[in-house]
Amino acid sequence: METIPSTMEPGDENTREKLMNDLKVVAQDAEELLKATATDLGDRAQAARQRLTVALDRAKDSASKMQDRAKEGLVATDRCIREHPYQTIGAAFCLGLVLGLLVRNK
């Protein structure tokens, strides 16, 4: 069962997955560009390749850390819900009731 951390909204999960996929595509394209320009020996090209390599490594690390934090949040949320199922149901009911009253009054 997949759960969503309380700091995220339900639509954010699809956005996060799309962002991760886009980052992977950009990383693959950057790696291909680095391989394709490996024979270019110009000083500016070498400096650009080094900066791109560093930026690519940094982006991969950031994406990995973000994914790890998201997984930790999912595990913590799932554990909390499993440890306190009745309280979770009660909180969800109350939240639904309040939101329903607010929507009805508008």
Protein backbone atom coordinates (compact mmCIF):
# COMPACT_ATOMS: atom_id res chain seq x y z
CA MET A 1 0.00 0.00 0.00
CA GLU A 2 1.43 3.33 -1.06
CA THR A 3 0.84 6.31 1.17
CA ILE A 4 1.56 10.00 0.74
CA PRO A 5 3.48 11.96 3.40
CA SER A 6 1.53 14.70 5.13
CA THR A 7 3.78 17.38 3.61
CA MET A 8 2.67 16.41 0.11
CA GLU A 9 -0.63 16.71 -1.65
CA PRO A 10 -2.00 13.83 -3.73
CA GLY A 11 -1.22 15.53 -7.08
CA ASP A 12 2.39 16.15 -6.04
CA GLU A 13 3.29 12.47 -6.35
CA ASN A 14 2.73 12.47 -10.12
CA THR A 15 4.64 15.72 -10.41
CA ARG A 16 7.53 14.27 -8.41
CA GLU A 17 7.62 11.15 -10.59
CA LYS A 18 7.55 13.26 -13.75
CA LEU A 19 10.37 15.43 -12.40
CA MET A 20 12.47 12.39 -11.55
CA ASN A 21 11.90 10.94 -15.03
CA ASP A 22 12.78 14.26 -16.65
CA LEU A 23 15.97 14.50 -14.56
CA LYS A 24 16.96 10.99 -15.65
CA VAL A 25 16.42 11.89 -19.31
CA VAL A 26 18.48 15.08 -18.92
CA ALA A 27 21.24 13.12 -17.19
CA GLN A 28 21.31 10.53 -19.98
CA ASP A 29 21.38 13.25 -22.64
CA ALA A 30 24.21 15.06 -20.81
CA GLU A 31 26.21 11.84 -20.55
CA GLU A 32 25.74 11.20 -24.27
CA LEU A 33 26.86 14.76 -25.00
CA LEU A 34 29.95 14.27 -22.87
CA LYS A 35 30.80 11.07 -24.74
CA ALA A 36 30.17 12.68 -28.13
CA THR A 37 32.45 15.64 -27.38
CA ALA A 38 35.23 13.58 -25.82
CA THR A 39 37.44 14.07 -28.87
CA ASP A 40 37.08 17.88 -28.85
CA LEU A 41 40.31 19.12 -27.33
CA GLY A 42 39.56 22.85 -27.07
CA ASP A 43 40.22 24.51 -23.71
CA ARG A 44 36.74 25.99 -23.52
CA ALA A 45 35.18 22.66 -24.44
CA GLN A 46 37.20 20.86 -21.77
CA ALA A 47 36.20 23.42 -19.13
CA ALA A 48 32.56 23.15 -20.18
CA ARG A 49 32.74 19.35 -20.04
CA GLN A 50 34.20 19.49 -16.52
CA ARG A 51 31.50 21.89 -15.32
CA LEU A 52 28.81 19.73 -16.91
CA THR A 53 30.24 16.60 -15.29
CA VAL A 54 30.27 18.25 -11.86
CA ALA A 55 26.74 19.61 -12.32
CA LEU A 56 25.51 16.23 -13.52
CA ASP A 57 27.02 14.44 -10.52
CA ARG A 58 25.49 17.01 -8.18
CA ALA A 59 22.07 16.62 -9.82
CA LYS A 60 22.26 12.83 -9.52
CA ASP A 61 23.17 13.09 -5.84
CA SER A 62 20.34 15.55 -5.17
CA ALA A 63 17.82 13.38 -6.97
CA SER A 64 18.99 10.32 -5.05
CA LYS A 65 18.75 12.14 -1.71
CA MET A 66 15.29 13.48 -2.59
CA GLN A 67 14.12 10.00 -3.51
CA ASP A 68 15.54 8.56 -0.27
CA ARG A 69 13.79 11.23 1.83
CA ALA A 70 10.52 10.57 0.04
CA LYS A 71 10.83 6.84 0.72
CA GLU A 72 11.60 7.51 4.39
CA GLY A 73 8.53 9.73 4.63
CA LEU A 74 6.36 7.08 3.02
CA VAL A 75 7.65 4.41 5.40
CA ALA A 76 7.12 6.64 8.46
CA THR A 77 3.59 7.55 7.36
CA ASP A 78 2.69 3.94 6.65
CA ARG A 79 4.08 2.85 10.03
CA CYS A 80 2.12 5.57 11.85
CA ILE A 81 -1.11 4.62 10.10
CA ARG A 82 -0.60 0.93 10.86
CA GLU A 83 0.21 1.63 14.53
CA HIS A 84 -2.81 3.92 15.01
CA PRO A 85 -5.53 2.81 12.56
CA TYR A 86 -8.53 4.01 14.56
CA GLN A 87 -7.03 7.42 15.27
CA THR A 88 -6.21 7.76 11.57
CA ILE A 89 -9.77 6.89 10.59
CA GLY A 90 -11.10 9.38 13.14
CA ALA A 91 -8.79 12.14 11.94
CA ALA A 92 -9.73 11.49 8.31
CA PHE A 93 -13.43 11.54 9.22
CA CYS A 94 -13.08 14.83 11.10
CA LEU A 95 -11.10 16.41 8.29
CA GLY A 96 -13.69 15.27 5.76
CA LEU A 97 -16.48 16.62 7.93
CA VAL A 98 -14.83 20.03 8.32
CA LEU A 99 -14.04 20.26 4.60
CA GLY A 100 -17.58 19.22 3.74
CA LEU A 101 -19.02 21.91 6.00
CA LEU A 102 -16.73 24.54 4.51
CA VAL A 103 -17.59 23.58 0.93
CA ARG A 104 -21.30 23.45 1.69
CA ASN A 105 -21.30 26.95 3.21
CA LYS A 106 -19.68 28.51 0.14
